[in-house]
Amino acid sequence: MTQTYIAETLLKFMERIKEIERAWESKKDGEPGLWYRGSRKSNWPLLPKLYRPHSTINELLSAEDEIREEFVRRAPGLTSYKPANAWEWYFLMQHYGAPTRLLDWTENPQIGLYFALKDSDGLHDAVVWVIDPWWLNGIVLGKGYSEVLPAGSPGLSEADARRYQPWLPDRFDAKAKLTTKLPVAIYPTQFDARIAAQRSCFTVHGRRRARLNELFPKPTDHLARIVIPSYATDDIRDELDDYGIDEAVIYPDLEGLGKGVTRHWLPDDDEKLPHTGILTRLKPSPIHGVGVFAIVPIKKDTRLFSQDSDEMRWIKPDQLPTNSLRNSMMISLS
């Protein structure tokens, strides 16, 4: 089972990172640290965008070939940068929304946290995944291989280039099919401003469509997750902003700068998260029926149903409104 930590503040989040680093400390001197991936919902799968539709693996891989071809054909007129090889095109596709077998990670834990929280609606717990990429490559590429290299880099040796090539077959070679099953960790060359600013790194996945955390029997010491409770989202976003982790840093262009200064100087009151005056939520119970769940720490003797009635009345799930079983219902304690 994947180790799970909880963090309710930025300080607690960084403490959890230190806990994980200490628990996993087994690298040789000079090897870099861990990678981080933020997701807006804690139950979202560690699965690349290409593998999320409900199609067969062969249909998805065939579609990927067509997407790669059309992207490479049409993109040159839209960017001044000309990627040097297939890997750089693939990285560019990922960063601009095209579906690939790449899963985004970052070397910076606070950037991972930013992506976990930036679009949160405050109704769901967020998560930051933590992985040891050297452990991953040691399993997939062989125990004697403890490297994470920039696939496609001009300075890469021929032997290392061949080692990574099976994960990105030539789209024009009918005989070059994806046969590898498990993902590997790779660095991109930092040819794009977003890739550089976000300290981007990737896992590129093979034919097996299972979630990354389900692909290995014992990932406990090399894959973990830090859950951010939904009620803490807004406060931690403000903390990140105070430390300079905002749109202008993550997206180093004029649009990012415009959004960054706007959020700092003119916060939108309409974006307040739905937890003011709310302590509990109704949602399906893992035990039976529908239950009342706390969404913030509740002090002893707090009157949960003040101004109404402190008596709790139990009802059957089929007596609730139909949509309450599909969507979380909020109880206002105004």
Protein backbone atom coordinates (compact mmCIF):
# COMPACT_ATOMS: atom_id res chain seq x y z
CA MET A 1 0.00 0.00 0.00
CA THR A 2 1.25 3.49 -0.85
CA GLN A 3 2.30 5.48 2.21
CA THR A 4 -0.04 8.44 2.82
CA TYR A 5 0.78 11.64 4.72
CA ILE A 6 -1.45 14.62 5.59
CA ALA A 7 -0.44 18.30 5.40
CA GLU A 8 -2.69 21.19 6.45
CA THR A 9 -0.16 24.03 6.04
CA LEU A 10 2.83 24.80 3.84
CA LEU A 11 5.13 24.21 6.81
CA LYS A 12 3.56 20.80 7.46
CA PHE A 13 3.90 19.96 3.78
CA MET A 14 7.64 20.67 3.80
CA GLU A 15 8.00 18.69 7.03
CA ARG A 16 6.33 15.72 5.35
CA ILE A 17 8.81 16.02 2.47
CA LYS A 18 11.68 15.87 4.96
CA GLU A 19 10.11 12.81 6.61
CA ILE A 20 9.94 11.04 3.25
CA GLU A 21 13.50 12.02 2.34
CA ARG A 22 14.80 10.64 5.63
CA ALA A 23 12.81 7.42 5.25
CA TRP A 24 14.07 6.85 1.71
CA GLU A 25 17.65 7.99 2.23
CA SER A 26 19.61 5.35 0.36
CA LYS A 27 21.10 7.19 -2.63
CA LYS A 28 24.77 7.58 -3.37
CA ASP A 29 26.41 10.92 -2.76
CA GLY A 30 25.71 13.41 -5.52
CA GLU A 31 22.42 11.94 -6.76
CA PRO A 32 19.56 14.48 -6.95
CA GLY A 33 16.39 14.27 -4.92
CA LEU A 34 12.80 13.23 -5.42
CA TRP A 35 10.12 14.16 -7.95
CA TYR A 36 6.67 15.56 -7.21
CA ARG A 37 3.32 15.58 -9.00
CA GLY A 38 0.28 17.58 -7.85
CA SER A 39 -3.31 16.52 -8.62
CA ARG A 40 -6.43 18.53 -7.84
CA LYS A 41 -8.29 15.46 -6.56
CA SER A 42 -6.65 12.89 -4.33
CA ASN A 43 -8.44 10.03 -6.09
CA TRP A 44 -7.25 10.93 -9.58
CA PRO A 45 -5.13 8.14 -11.09
CA LEU A 46 -1.42 8.29 -11.83
CA LEU A 47 -2.18 7.68 -15.48
CA PRO A 48 -1.07 9.61 -18.59
CA LYS A 49 -3.67 11.58 -20.53
CA LEU A 50 -3.49 9.27 -23.55
CA TYR A 51 -4.49 6.28 -21.42
CA ARG A 52 -7.59 7.76 -19.79
CA PRO A 53 -10.18 7.17 -22.59
CA HIS A 54 -11.99 3.82 -22.59
CA SER A 55 -10.44 2.38 -25.75
CA THR A 56 -8.18 -0.58 -26.39
CA ILE A 57 -4.44 -0.11 -26.02
CA ASN A 58 -3.90 -0.65 -29.74
CA GLU A 59 -6.53 1.96 -30.62
CA LEU A 60 -4.90 4.49 -28.30
CA LEU A 61 -1.40 3.86 -29.61
CA SER A 62 -2.65 4.16 -33.18
CA ALA A 63 -4.35 7.45 -32.29
CA GLU A 64 -1.13 8.66 -30.66
CA ASP A 65 0.78 8.11 -33.91
CA GLU A 66 -1.75 10.22 -35.79
CA ILE A 67 -1.71 12.96 -33.11
CA ARG A 68 2.09 13.09 -33.16
CA GLU A 69 2.14 13.37 -36.94
CA GLU A 70 -0.44 16.18 -37.11
CA PHE A 71 1.13 18.12 -34.23
CA VAL A 72 4.61 17.98 -35.79
CA ARG A 73 3.18 18.97 -39.18
CA ARG A 74 1.20 21.99 -37.97
CA ALA A 75 3.24 23.32 -35.02
CA PRO A 76 6.21 24.94 -36.85
CA GLY A 77 4.13 27.95 -37.88
CA LEU A 78 3.03 28.51 -34.27
CA THR A 79 6.40 28.55 -32.48
CA SER A 80 9.78 30.06 -33.15
CA TYR A 81 11.50 27.07 -31.55
CA LYS A 82 12.24 24.12 -33.80
CA PRO A 83 12.59 20.90 -31.79
CA ALA A 84 15.72 18.98 -32.66
CA ASN A 85 14.33 15.44 -32.46
CA ALA A 86 11.29 13.27 -31.74
CA TRP A 87 11.72 13.50 -27.96
CA GLU A 88 11.66 17.30 -27.97
CA TRP A 89 8.51 17.26 -30.08
CA TYR A 90 6.96 14.81 -27.63
CA PHE A 91 7.81 17.00 -24.63
CA LEU A 92 6.37 20.04 -26.44
CA MET A 93 3.13 18.16 -27.14
CA GLN A 94 2.76 17.31 -23.48
CA HIS A 95 3.29 20.86 -22.26
CA TYR A 96 0.72 22.27 -24.65
CA GLY A 97 -2.11 19.85 -23.93
CA ALA A 98 -1.83 17.07 -26.52
CA PRO A 99 -2.42 13.57 -25.11
CA THR A 100 0.77 11.55 -24.67
CA ARG A 101 2.10 8.69 -22.58
CA LEU A 102 4.05 11.21 -20.51
CA LEU A 103 3.16 11.98 -16.91
CA ASP A 104 4.36 15.39 -15.62
CA TRP A 105 6.57 15.64 -12.52
CA THR A 106 8.73 18.40 -11.08
CA GLU A 107 11.90 18.53 -9.04
CA ASN A 108 10.45 21.34 -6.90
CA PRO A 109 7.97 20.21 -4.19
CA GLN A 110 6.33 23.64 -3.94
CA ILE A 111 5.66 23.66 -7.68
CA GLY A 112 4.05 20.24 -7.29
CA LEU A 113 1.93 21.69 -4.49
CA TYR A 114 0.99 24.68 -6.65
CA PHE A 115 -0.39 22.40 -9.38
CA ALA A 116 -2.34 20.41 -6.79
CA LEU A 117 -4.11 23.55 -5.53
CA LYS A 118 -4.24 26.07 -8.38
CA ASP A 119 -7.64 25.00 -9.78
CA SER A 120 -9.15 23.52 -6.63
CA ASP A 121 -12.82 24.25 -5.99
CA GLY A 122 -12.40 23.46 -2.31
CA LEU A 123 -14.73 20.46 -2.42
CA HIS A 124 -12.12 17.73 -2.73
CA ASP A 125 -8.87 16.82 -1.04
CA ALA A 126 -5.84 17.43 -3.26
CA VAL A 127 -2.66 15.34 -3.39
CA VAL A 128 1.04 15.64 -4.14
CA TRP A 129 2.64 12.38 -5.22
CA VAL A 130 6.31 11.78 -4.41
CA ILE A 131 8.49 9.32 -6.33
CA ASP A 132 12.10 8.19 -6.33
CA PRO A 133 12.88 8.10 -10.09
CA TRP A 134 16.21 6.31 -9.58
CA TRP A 135 14.38 3.44 -7.91
CA LEU A 136 11.98 3.30 -10.87
CA ASN A 137 14.74 3.16 -13.47
CA GLY A 138 16.67 0.64 -11.40
CA ILE A 139 13.70 -1.73 -11.65
CA VAL A 140 12.79 -1.11 -15.28
CA LEU A 141 16.24 -0.64 -16.84
CA GLY A 142 18.15 -3.01 -14.59
CA LYS A 143 19.60 -2.96 -11.08
CA GLY A 144 22.99 -1.91 -12.38
CA TYR A 145 21.53 1.18 -14.06
CA SER A 146 21.02 4.02 -11.58
CA GLU A 147 20.61 6.93 -13.99
CA VAL A 148 17.87 9.34 -15.05
CA LEU A 149 18.99 11.00 -18.26
CA PRO A 150 17.63 13.58 -20.71
CA ALA A 151 16.24 11.43 -23.50
CA GLY A 152 16.88 13.05 -26.84
CA SER A 153 19.65 15.32 -25.58
CA PRO A 154 22.29 16.02 -28.27
CA GLY A 155 25.06 15.03 -25.84
CA LEU A 156 23.59 11.66 -24.92
CA SER A 157 25.75 8.65 -25.72
CA GLU A 158 24.54 6.27 -28.41
CA ALA A 159 24.17 3.49 -25.84
CA ASP A 160 21.96 5.60 -23.58
CA ALA A 161 19.93 6.90 -26.53
CA ARG A 162 19.23 3.30 -27.58
CA ARG A 163 18.28 2.44 -24.01
CA TYR A 164 15.41 4.96 -24.02
CA GLN A 165 14.39 4.61 -27.68
CA PRO A 166 11.90 1.72 -27.14
CA TRP A 167 9.59 4.15 -25.28
CA LEU A 168 9.23 6.40 -28.35
CA PRO A 169 9.17 4.28 -31.52
CA ASP A 170 9.61 5.96 -34.91
CA ARG A 171 6.11 6.86 -36.05
CA PHE A 172 7.03 6.28 -39.72
CA ASP A 173 8.43 2.79 -39.17
CA ALA A 174 5.65 0.22 -39.40
CA LYS A 175 7.84 -2.35 -37.64
CA ALA A 176 8.68 -0.04 -34.73
CA LYS A 177 5.91 -0.74 -32.25
CA LEU A 178 5.73 0.03 -28.55
CA THR A 179 6.59 -3.23 -26.81
CA THR A 180 7.88 -2.06 -23.42
CA LYS A 181 5.37 -2.52 -20.62
CA LEU A 182 6.56 -0.44 -17.65
CA PRO A 183 7.33 3.31 -17.39
CA VAL A 184 10.74 4.92 -17.08
CA ALA A 185 11.82 8.27 -15.65
CA ILE A 186 13.39 10.81 -18.03
CA TYR A 187 14.51 14.41 -18.07
CA PRO A 188 13.61 16.72 -20.94
CA THR A 189 16.09 19.13 -22.46
CA GLN A 190 15.01 22.55 -21.19
CA PHE A 191 14.38 24.12 -24.58
CA ASP A 192 11.03 25.66 -23.59
CA ALA A 193 10.54 28.40 -20.97
CA ARG A 194 7.70 26.54 -19.25
CA ILE A 195 9.68 23.31 -19.04
CA ALA A 196 12.58 25.20 -17.46
CA ALA A 197 10.48 27.29 -15.06
CA GLN A 198 8.48 24.31 -13.82
CA ARG A 199 11.60 22.16 -13.31
CA SER A 200 9.85 19.57 -15.42
CA CYS A 201 10.62 15.88 -15.58
CA PHE A 202 8.55 12.96 -16.80
CA THR A 203 7.69 9.33 -16.56
CA VAL A 204 6.99 7.89 -20.01
CA HIS A 205 4.67 4.91 -19.86
CA GLY A 206 4.69 1.61 -21.72
CA ARG A 207 1.86 -0.63 -22.88
CA ARG A 208 0.45 -1.40 -19.44
CA ARG A 209 -2.36 1.05 -18.67
CA ALA A 210 -2.52 0.46 -14.91
CA ARG A 211 -1.94 3.38 -12.55
CA LEU A 212 1.72 3.90 -11.80
CA ASN A 213 1.18 3.09 -8.11
CA GLU A 214 -0.38 -0.25 -9.12
CA LEU A 215 2.40 -1.36 -11.47
CA PHE A 216 4.85 -2.38 -8.77
CA PRO A 217 4.21 -4.84 -5.93
CA LYS A 218 6.02 -2.96 -3.14
CA PRO A 219 6.29 0.78 -3.84
CA THR A 220 6.03 1.74 -0.15
CA ASP A 221 9.59 3.04 0.18
CA HIS A 222 9.74 4.74 -3.19
CA LEU A 223 6.27 6.14 -3.91
CA ALA A 224 4.18 8.15 -1.45
CA ARG A 225 1.42 10.74 -1.44
CA ILE A 226 0.76 13.82 0.66
CA VAL A 227 -2.93 14.64 0.93
CA ILE A 228 -4.01 18.28 1.29
CA PRO A 229 -7.43 18.51 3.02
CA SER A 230 -9.96 20.51 1.04
CA TYR A 231 -10.49 23.03 3.85
CA ALA A 232 -6.77 23.93 3.80
CA THR A 233 -6.63 24.72 0.07
CA ASP A 234 -7.13 28.49 0.18
CA ASP A 235 -4.75 29.13 3.07
CA ILE A 236 -1.92 27.13 1.49
CA ARG A 237 -2.45 28.85 -1.86
CA ASP A 238 -1.99 32.17 -0.07
CA GLU A 239 1.16 30.86 1.62
CA LEU A 240 2.61 29.80 -1.73
CA ASP A 241 1.80 33.22 -3.15
CA ASP A 242 3.62 34.86 -0.21
CA TYR A 243 6.71 32.80 -1.09
CA GLY A 244 6.57 33.80 -4.74
CA ILE A 245 5.13 30.59 -6.20
CA ASP A 246 2.48 32.08 -8.47
CA GLU A 247 1.35 32.22 -12.10
CA ALA A 248 4.17 34.58 -13.11
CA VAL A 249 6.76 32.02 -11.96
CA ILE A 250 5.03 28.90 -13.27
CA TYR A 251 4.07 30.43 -16.63
CA PRO A 252 6.95 32.83 -17.49
CA ASP A 253 5.18 34.93 -20.11
CA LEU A 254 2.98 38.02 -20.24
CA GLU A 255 -0.22 36.05 -19.60
CA GLY A 256 1.28 34.47 -16.49
CA LEU A 257 2.51 37.85 -15.27
CA GLY A 258 -0.91 39.41 -15.82
CA LYS A 259 -2.66 36.69 -13.83
CA GLY A 260 -0.02 36.80 -11.09
CA VAL A 261 -0.20 40.53 -10.41
CA THR A 262 -4.01 40.50 -10.65
CA ARG A 263 -4.34 37.77 -8.04
CA HIS A 264 -1.89 39.55 -5.74
CA TRP A 265 -3.46 43.03 -5.90
CA LEU A 266 -7.11 42.35 -6.72
CA PRO A 267 -8.16 39.04 -5.15
CA ASP A 268 -11.54 37.89 -6.42
CA ASP A 269 -14.08 37.67 -3.57
CA ASP A 270 -16.22 35.41 -5.77
CA GLU A 271 -13.47 32.77 -5.66
CA LYS A 272 -13.83 32.14 -1.93
CA LEU A 273 -13.99 28.43 -1.27
CA PRO A 274 -17.20 26.89 0.05
CA HIS A 275 -16.10 26.32 3.64
CA THR A 276 -16.92 29.57 5.43
CA GLY A 277 -19.24 28.66 8.29
CA ILE A 278 -19.33 25.01 7.26
CA LEU A 279 -17.99 22.18 9.37
CA THR A 280 -19.45 19.00 7.87
CA ARG A 281 -20.47 17.37 4.62
CA LEU A 282 -22.89 14.62 3.70
CA LYS A 283 -21.42 11.95 1.46
CA PRO A 284 -21.71 8.19 0.87
CA SER A 285 -20.32 6.28 3.82
CA PRO A 286 -17.71 3.53 3.32
CA ILE A 287 -19.53 1.64 6.09
CA HIS A 288 -23.21 2.00 5.17
CA GLY A 289 -25.53 4.49 3.51
CA VAL A 290 -24.79 8.19 3.82
CA GLY A 291 -22.84 9.76 6.68
CA VAL A 292 -21.91 13.14 8.10
CA PHE A 293 -18.19 13.84 7.66
CA ALA A 294 -16.10 16.62 9.21
CA ILE A 295 -14.31 18.80 6.66
CA VAL A 296 -12.38 20.87 9.21
CA PRO A 297 -11.03 20.11 12.70
CA ILE A 298 -13.95 20.58 15.10
CA LYS A 299 -13.30 21.65 18.69
CA LYS A 300 -14.87 19.77 21.57
CA ASP A 301 -18.42 20.92 22.51
CA THR A 302 -18.97 22.74 19.21
CA ARG A 303 -22.71 22.81 18.43
CA LEU A 304 -22.92 21.31 14.96
CA PHE A 305 -26.58 22.09 14.44
CA SER A 306 -27.00 25.37 16.29
CA GLN A 307 -30.00 27.57 15.41
CA ASP A 308 -31.86 24.48 14.35
CA SER A 309 -31.93 21.44 16.60
CA ASP A 310 -29.17 19.54 18.30
CA GLU A 311 -31.13 16.32 17.98
CA MET A 312 -29.83 14.00 15.26
CA ARG A 313 -32.45 12.10 13.29
CA TRP A 314 -31.35 9.06 11.32
CA ILE A 315 -32.92 8.52 7.92
CA LYS A 316 -32.45 5.91 5.22
CA PRO A 317 -30.42 6.75 2.10
CA ASP A 318 -33.49 6.41 -0.15
CA GLN A 319 -35.20 9.18 1.83
CA LEU A 320 -32.55 11.69 0.78
CA PRO A 321 -32.86 13.72 -2.42
CA THR A 322 -31.67 11.61 -5.35
CA ASN A 323 -28.67 13.76 -6.25
CA SER A 324 -27.27 13.62 -2.73
CA LEU A 325 -25.88 10.19 -3.45
CA ARG A 326 -24.02 11.48 -6.47
CA ASN A 327 -22.80 14.85 -5.25
CA SER A 328 -21.49 16.02 -1.92
CA MET A 329 -24.07 18.11 -0.05
CA MET A 330 -22.96 20.92 2.19
CA ILE A 331 -24.55 21.70 5.59
CA SER A 332 -24.34 25.42 6.38
CA LEU A 333 -23.94 26.31 10.03
CA SER A 334 -24.53 30.02 9.64
